[in-house]
Amino acid sequence: MGSKLYEIGRYVDVDAVLRYVKERRHEDGGYCFVSVLDDTNVNDTYYAIKIYNLLGIEFPEPEKTIEFLSNAIQPQTAVVAIAMALEGLALLGAKDVAREKSDIVFTKYNPAEGKFAVGLGGSEEFGTATPLEATYWVTKAFNQIGLKFDSTEKDAIRAFVMKFRNGNGYGVKQPTTTMTYQALFTLYTLGYRPPKSPHFRNCELCGDWGGFTEVPYSLPPYLEPTFYATRGLELQNETPTCPRRHVWFIRQLQNPNGGFRRSLELGISNFQNTYRALAVVDSMMRYL
């Protein structure tokens, strides 16, 4: 308990991270990355849980946050947010609550009927969620709470994901790091073993930069493809070429308030960026 806090703290200021998160907790058990707003939401609350979980620190008043997430799962809630809430509940030790609420997913996401997220709503990455993104999040949540798709559903999901196969990766008009990882994670989690993709390696920047890009042989690096490429290499049992440079890149992204931004240019902190930055450092430490 807490050892991860020390290890990651050798590379970034985790005390500042924890202050940043704690200051943005609200009385209802939810979080909002804009501290002056009372508009707590599932996304920020999910990433607060992930940050505490990654650092091995006890989560404050988990019962309040369990109630907050449970109440957030409503018919009008976007499927990505529902999936985040289910996973968050599981991480807080409330798998039973998550299972009780899981049926609502099938009102929006039912692969056996060819429904890959009805009324997609909000997204993590794209403004409006793509069906592949929704598939990734639902698969991830079900895996966390111990629910399995049946064989018909699994085959339907696999066929759907393979529609995004594009050259050496996955994407709509071209392969991207985000969609390639989401596709591969989904396939692996369902028990399939797709061929390894060279996409992540082709997006790695060493030399003066560090980090990864969304598409191969481009600049500049951003945090989200760096996170997904790091996860993608792990999924394929591959190692990064220049882990020290990637940690250097992450270190440059920490803002004075303790949170992290997404690029080397100026940018605001948020919980999503902060968790992803910590997760990349955590992954790279094993190679240093």
Protein backbone atom coordinates (compact mmCIF):
# COMPACT_ATOMS: atom_id res chain seq x y z
CA MET A 1 0.00 0.00 0.00
CA GLY A 2 1.52 3.30 -1.03
CA SER A 3 4.66 1.80 -2.61
CA LYS A 4 3.42 2.83 -6.06
CA LEU A 5 3.00 6.34 -4.70
CA TYR A 6 6.70 6.43 -3.84
CA GLU A 7 7.86 4.81 -7.07
CA ILE A 8 5.89 7.11 -9.38
CA GLY A 9 6.81 10.02 -7.12
CA ARG A 10 10.42 9.60 -8.21
CA TYR A 11 9.43 10.90 -11.64
CA VAL A 12 6.48 13.26 -11.17
CA ASP A 13 5.03 15.26 -8.26
CA VAL A 14 2.36 12.89 -6.93
CA ASP A 15 1.72 14.99 -3.82
CA ALA A 16 0.62 17.81 -6.13
CA VAL A 17 -1.54 15.32 -8.07
CA LEU A 18 -3.33 14.25 -4.91
CA ARG A 19 -3.92 17.85 -3.83
CA TYR A 20 -5.31 18.58 -7.29
CA VAL A 21 -7.77 15.69 -7.07
CA LYS A 22 -8.78 16.16 -3.43
CA GLU A 23 -9.60 19.84 -3.96
CA ARG A 24 -12.09 18.85 -6.65
CA ARG A 25 -14.10 16.38 -4.63
CA HIS A 26 -17.65 17.45 -3.78
CA GLU A 27 -20.02 16.59 -0.98
CA ASP A 28 -22.13 14.27 -3.17
CA GLY A 29 -19.12 11.96 -3.61
CA GLY A 30 -18.57 13.04 -7.20
CA TYR A 31 -15.72 15.02 -8.73
CA CYS A 32 -15.39 17.89 -11.19
CA PHE A 33 -12.00 18.85 -12.63
CA VAL A 34 -13.07 22.53 -12.70
CA SER A 35 -12.92 23.10 -8.95
CA VAL A 36 -15.21 26.13 -8.87
CA LEU A 37 -18.10 24.22 -10.46
CA ASP A 38 -20.58 21.99 -8.65
CA ASP A 39 -21.21 20.06 -11.85
CA THR A 40 -19.87 16.70 -10.71
CA ASN A 41 -19.88 14.06 -13.42
CA VAL A 42 -19.16 10.40 -14.11
CA ASN A 43 -16.05 11.00 -16.23
CA ASP A 44 -14.13 12.97 -13.60
CA THR A 45 -15.32 10.68 -10.82
CA TYR A 46 -14.20 7.60 -12.75
CA TYR A 47 -10.73 9.03 -13.28
CA ALA A 48 -10.45 10.07 -9.63
CA ILE A 49 -11.08 6.43 -8.72
CA LYS A 50 -8.51 5.26 -11.28
CA ILE A 51 -5.89 7.68 -9.91
CA TYR A 52 -6.34 6.50 -6.33
CA ASN A 53 -6.39 2.87 -7.45
CA LEU A 54 -3.20 3.26 -9.49
CA LEU A 55 -1.36 4.92 -6.61
CA GLY A 56 -2.54 2.31 -4.12
CA ILE A 57 -4.22 4.85 -1.85
CA GLU A 58 -7.45 4.40 0.08
CA PHE A 59 -10.32 6.19 -1.63
CA PRO A 60 -12.08 8.81 0.56
CA GLU A 61 -15.65 8.02 1.65
CA PRO A 62 -16.25 5.38 -1.02
CA GLU A 63 -19.86 4.82 0.04
CA LYS A 64 -20.77 8.35 -1.12
CA THR A 65 -19.13 7.82 -4.50
CA ILE A 66 -20.80 4.42 -4.89
CA GLU A 67 -24.16 6.11 -4.38
CA PHE A 68 -23.22 8.90 -6.80
CA LEU A 69 -22.26 6.45 -9.57
CA SER A 70 -25.23 4.19 -8.97
CA ASN A 71 -27.62 7.15 -9.27
CA ALA A 72 -25.86 8.33 -12.44
CA ILE A 73 -26.78 5.16 -14.33
CA GLN A 74 -30.02 6.22 -15.98
CA PRO A 75 -31.73 5.47 -19.34
CA GLN A 76 -30.69 8.89 -20.66
CA THR A 77 -27.02 8.42 -19.67
CA ALA A 78 -24.59 7.92 -22.57
CA VAL A 79 -23.36 4.34 -22.92
CA VAL A 80 -19.70 5.31 -22.40
CA ALA A 81 -20.61 7.01 -19.11
CA ILE A 82 -22.69 3.99 -18.04
CA ALA A 83 -19.71 1.72 -18.70
CA MET A 84 -17.40 4.05 -16.73
CA ALA A 85 -19.83 4.05 -13.82
CA LEU A 86 -20.02 0.24 -13.82
CA GLU A 87 -16.24 -0.11 -13.82
CA GLY A 88 -15.90 2.58 -11.16
CA LEU A 89 -18.36 0.75 -8.92
CA ALA A 90 -16.37 -2.45 -9.29
CA LEU A 91 -13.11 -0.69 -8.41
CA LEU A 92 -14.76 0.65 -5.25
CA GLY A 93 -15.77 -2.88 -4.21
CA ALA A 94 -19.41 -2.60 -5.30
CA LYS A 95 -19.52 -5.26 -8.04
CA ASP A 96 -22.92 -6.38 -6.80
CA VAL A 97 -24.34 -2.89 -7.39
CA ALA A 98 -22.72 -2.77 -10.84
CA ARG A 99 -24.21 -6.13 -11.79
CA GLU A 100 -27.66 -5.01 -10.66
CA LYS A 101 -27.36 -1.96 -12.92
CA SER A 102 -25.75 -3.71 -15.90
CA ASP A 103 -29.00 -4.57 -17.71
CA ILE A 104 -29.43 -0.92 -18.67
CA VAL A 105 -26.48 -1.32 -21.05
CA PHE A 106 -28.54 -3.53 -23.33
CA THR A 107 -31.11 -0.79 -23.90
CA LYS A 108 -28.35 1.06 -25.78
CA TYR A 109 -25.86 -1.63 -26.70
CA ASN A 110 -27.06 -5.02 -27.94
CA PRO A 111 -24.64 -6.68 -30.38
CA ALA A 112 -26.88 -9.71 -30.90
CA GLU A 113 -29.45 -7.33 -32.42
CA GLY A 114 -26.85 -5.33 -34.32
CA LYS A 115 -27.16 -2.36 -31.94
CA PHE A 116 -23.72 -0.93 -31.24
CA ALA A 117 -24.76 1.93 -28.96
CA VAL A 118 -28.08 3.60 -29.67
CA GLY A 119 -27.99 7.36 -29.03
CA LEU A 120 -24.25 7.35 -28.49
CA GLY A 121 -23.97 10.68 -26.74
CA GLY A 122 -20.77 11.79 -25.05
CA SER A 123 -17.32 10.49 -25.88
CA GLU A 124 -13.93 10.21 -24.27
CA GLU A 125 -12.04 11.00 -27.43
CA PHE A 126 -14.09 12.36 -30.30
CA GLY A 127 -16.82 14.71 -29.10
CA THR A 128 -19.47 12.17 -30.04
CA ALA A 129 -18.70 8.54 -29.29
CA THR A 130 -18.01 6.14 -32.13
CA PRO A 131 -19.60 2.68 -31.98
CA LEU A 132 -16.10 1.19 -31.68
CA GLU A 133 -15.35 3.39 -28.67
CA ALA A 134 -18.63 2.35 -27.06
CA THR A 135 -17.77 -1.30 -27.74
CA TYR A 136 -14.40 -0.88 -26.06
CA TRP A 137 -15.87 0.71 -22.94
CA VAL A 138 -18.69 -1.80 -22.57
CA THR A 139 -16.30 -4.73 -23.03
CA LYS A 140 -13.91 -3.18 -20.50
CA ALA A 141 -16.68 -2.65 -17.94
CA PHE A 142 -18.16 -6.13 -18.32
CA ASN A 143 -14.71 -7.64 -17.93
CA GLN A 144 -14.21 -5.66 -14.71
CA ILE A 145 -17.51 -6.71 -13.15
CA GLY A 146 -17.19 -10.33 -14.28
CA LEU A 147 -19.97 -10.48 -16.87
CA LYS A 148 -19.50 -12.48 -20.07
CA PHE A 149 -20.99 -12.03 -23.51
CA ASP A 150 -22.47 -15.21 -24.95
CA SER A 151 -21.02 -16.75 -28.11
CA THR A 152 -23.52 -15.04 -30.43
CA GLU A 153 -22.75 -11.64 -28.92
CA LYS A 154 -18.98 -12.27 -29.05
CA ASP A 155 -19.11 -13.24 -32.72
CA ALA A 156 -21.21 -10.17 -33.53
CA ILE A 157 -18.78 -7.89 -31.70
CA ARG A 158 -15.78 -9.46 -33.44
CA ALA A 159 -17.38 -9.03 -36.88
CA PHE A 160 -18.24 -5.43 -36.03
CA VAL A 161 -14.72 -4.59 -34.80
CA MET A 162 -13.13 -6.13 -37.88
CA LYS A 163 -15.03 -3.65 -40.06
CA PHE A 164 -12.58 -1.05 -38.75
CA ARG A 165 -9.51 -3.02 -39.85
CA ASN A 166 -7.46 -0.64 -41.95
CA GLY A 167 -4.02 -1.69 -43.14
CA ASN A 168 -1.78 -2.39 -40.14
CA GLY A 169 -4.27 -1.05 -37.65
CA TYR A 170 -7.85 0.01 -37.11
CA GLY A 171 -9.60 3.24 -37.97
CA VAL A 172 -12.18 4.87 -40.20
CA LYS A 173 -10.22 6.66 -42.93
CA GLN A 174 -6.80 5.57 -41.67
CA PRO A 175 -5.51 3.58 -38.71
CA THR A 176 -5.16 5.59 -35.51
CA THR A 177 -3.51 4.72 -32.22
CA THR A 178 -6.69 5.19 -30.21
CA MET A 179 -8.91 3.06 -32.41
CA THR A 180 -6.25 0.41 -32.96
CA TYR A 181 -5.86 -0.08 -29.24
CA GLN A 182 -9.60 -0.06 -28.59
CA ALA A 183 -10.15 -2.67 -31.29
CA LEU A 184 -7.31 -4.93 -30.16
CA PHE A 185 -8.25 -4.67 -26.48
CA THR A 186 -11.82 -5.65 -27.31
CA LEU A 187 -10.72 -8.66 -29.37
CA TYR A 188 -8.20 -9.84 -26.78
CA THR A 189 -10.71 -9.46 -23.94
CA LEU A 190 -13.26 -11.55 -25.82
CA GLY A 191 -10.69 -14.31 -26.23
CA TYR A 192 -9.60 -13.70 -29.81
CA ARG A 193 -5.94 -13.39 -30.80
CA PRO A 194 -5.59 -10.98 -33.71
CA PRO A 195 -2.17 -10.56 -35.36
CA LYS A 196 0.17 -8.05 -33.74
CA SER A 197 -0.02 -4.56 -35.17
CA PRO A 198 3.15 -2.56 -35.94
CA HIS A 199 1.10 0.63 -35.65
CA PHE A 200 2.17 1.49 -32.09
CA ARG A 201 5.85 1.06 -32.88
CA ASN A 202 5.45 3.24 -35.99
CA CYS A 203 4.03 6.03 -33.84
CA GLU A 204 6.84 6.06 -31.26
CA LEU A 205 8.98 9.20 -31.04
CA CYS A 206 12.44 9.10 -29.50
CA GLY A 207 15.26 11.60 -30.02
CA ASP A 208 14.23 15.11 -29.05
CA TRP A 209 10.58 14.32 -28.49
CA GLY A 210 9.39 11.28 -26.60
CA GLY A 211 5.78 10.14 -26.53
CA PHE A 212 3.64 8.68 -29.31
CA THR A 213 1.47 10.10 -32.08
CA GLU A 214 -2.01 9.24 -33.31
CA VAL A 215 -0.83 8.35 -36.82
CA PRO A 216 2.61 7.08 -37.91
CA TYR A 217 5.50 9.34 -38.85
CA SER A 218 3.89 12.57 -37.66
CA LEU A 219 4.38 15.31 -35.06
CA PRO A 220 3.78 16.38 -32.34
CA PRO A 221 3.19 13.71 -29.67
CA TYR A 222 0.09 13.91 -27.48
CA LEU A 223 -0.80 12.28 -24.20
CA GLU A 224 -3.77 10.20 -25.36
CA PRO A 225 -1.94 8.29 -28.12
CA THR A 226 1.02 7.91 -25.75
CA PHE A 227 -1.31 6.26 -23.24
CA TYR A 228 -3.00 4.02 -25.80
CA ALA A 229 0.25 3.07 -27.55
CA THR A 230 1.82 2.17 -24.20
CA ARG A 231 -1.18 -0.03 -23.45
CA GLY A 232 -1.04 -1.47 -26.97
CA LEU A 233 2.60 -2.49 -26.66
CA GLU A 234 1.81 -4.17 -23.33
CA LEU A 235 -1.10 -6.01 -24.90
CA GLN A 236 1.21 -7.38 -27.58
CA ASN A 237 4.02 -8.20 -25.12
CA GLU A 238 6.29 -5.62 -26.74
CA THR A 239 8.56 -3.06 -25.12
CA PRO A 240 8.99 0.65 -25.87
CA THR A 241 12.22 1.68 -27.57
CA CYS A 242 13.00 4.74 -25.44
CA PRO A 243 11.15 4.61 -22.10
CA ARG A 244 13.30 7.32 -20.50
CA ARG A 245 12.33 9.73 -23.25
CA HIS A 246 8.66 8.91 -22.77
CA VAL A 247 8.94 9.64 -19.05
CA TRP A 248 10.67 12.92 -19.92
CA PHE A 249 7.73 13.77 -22.19
CA ILE A 250 5.22 13.05 -19.42
CA ARG A 251 7.17 15.15 -16.91
CA GLN A 252 6.84 18.18 -19.18
CA LEU A 253 3.05 17.89 -19.11
CA GLN A 254 2.51 18.49 -15.37
CA ASN A 255 0.96 21.89 -14.70
CA PRO A 256 1.56 24.04 -11.58
CA ASN A 257 -1.82 22.95 -10.14
CA GLY A 258 -0.59 19.33 -10.04
CA GLY A 259 -2.67 18.02 -12.94
CA PHE A 260 -1.48 17.18 -16.43
CA ARG A 261 -2.22 18.60 -19.87
CA ARG A 262 -2.24 16.68 -23.17
CA SER A 263 0.62 18.30 -25.10
CA LEU A 264 3.92 20.12 -24.74
CA GLU A 265 2.10 23.33 -25.64
CA LEU A 266 0.10 25.19 -23.03
CA GLY A 267 -3.07 23.45 -21.95
CA ILE A 268 -5.37 22.91 -18.99
CA SER A 269 -5.19 20.01 -16.59
CA ASN A 270 -7.98 17.50 -16.29
CA PHE A 271 -8.49 14.18 -14.52
CA GLN A 272 -8.36 12.11 -17.71
CA ASN A 273 -4.96 13.53 -18.67
CA THR A 274 -3.69 13.16 -15.12
CA TYR A 275 -4.58 9.48 -14.86
CA ARG A 276 -3.12 8.73 -18.28
CA ALA A 277 0.12 10.50 -17.44
CA LEU A 278 0.52 8.51 -14.24
CA ALA A 279 -0.35 5.27 -16.03
CA VAL A 280 2.33 5.86 -18.69
CA VAL A 281 4.98 6.54 -16.03
CA ASP A 282 3.86 3.43 -14.14
CA SER A 283 4.26 1.33 -17.28
CA MET A 284 7.62 2.81 -18.30
CA MET A 285 9.18 2.35 -14.84
CA ARG A 286 9.66 -1.38 -15.42
CA TYR A 287 12.03 -0.64 -18.29
CA LEU A 288 14.16 2.02 -16.54
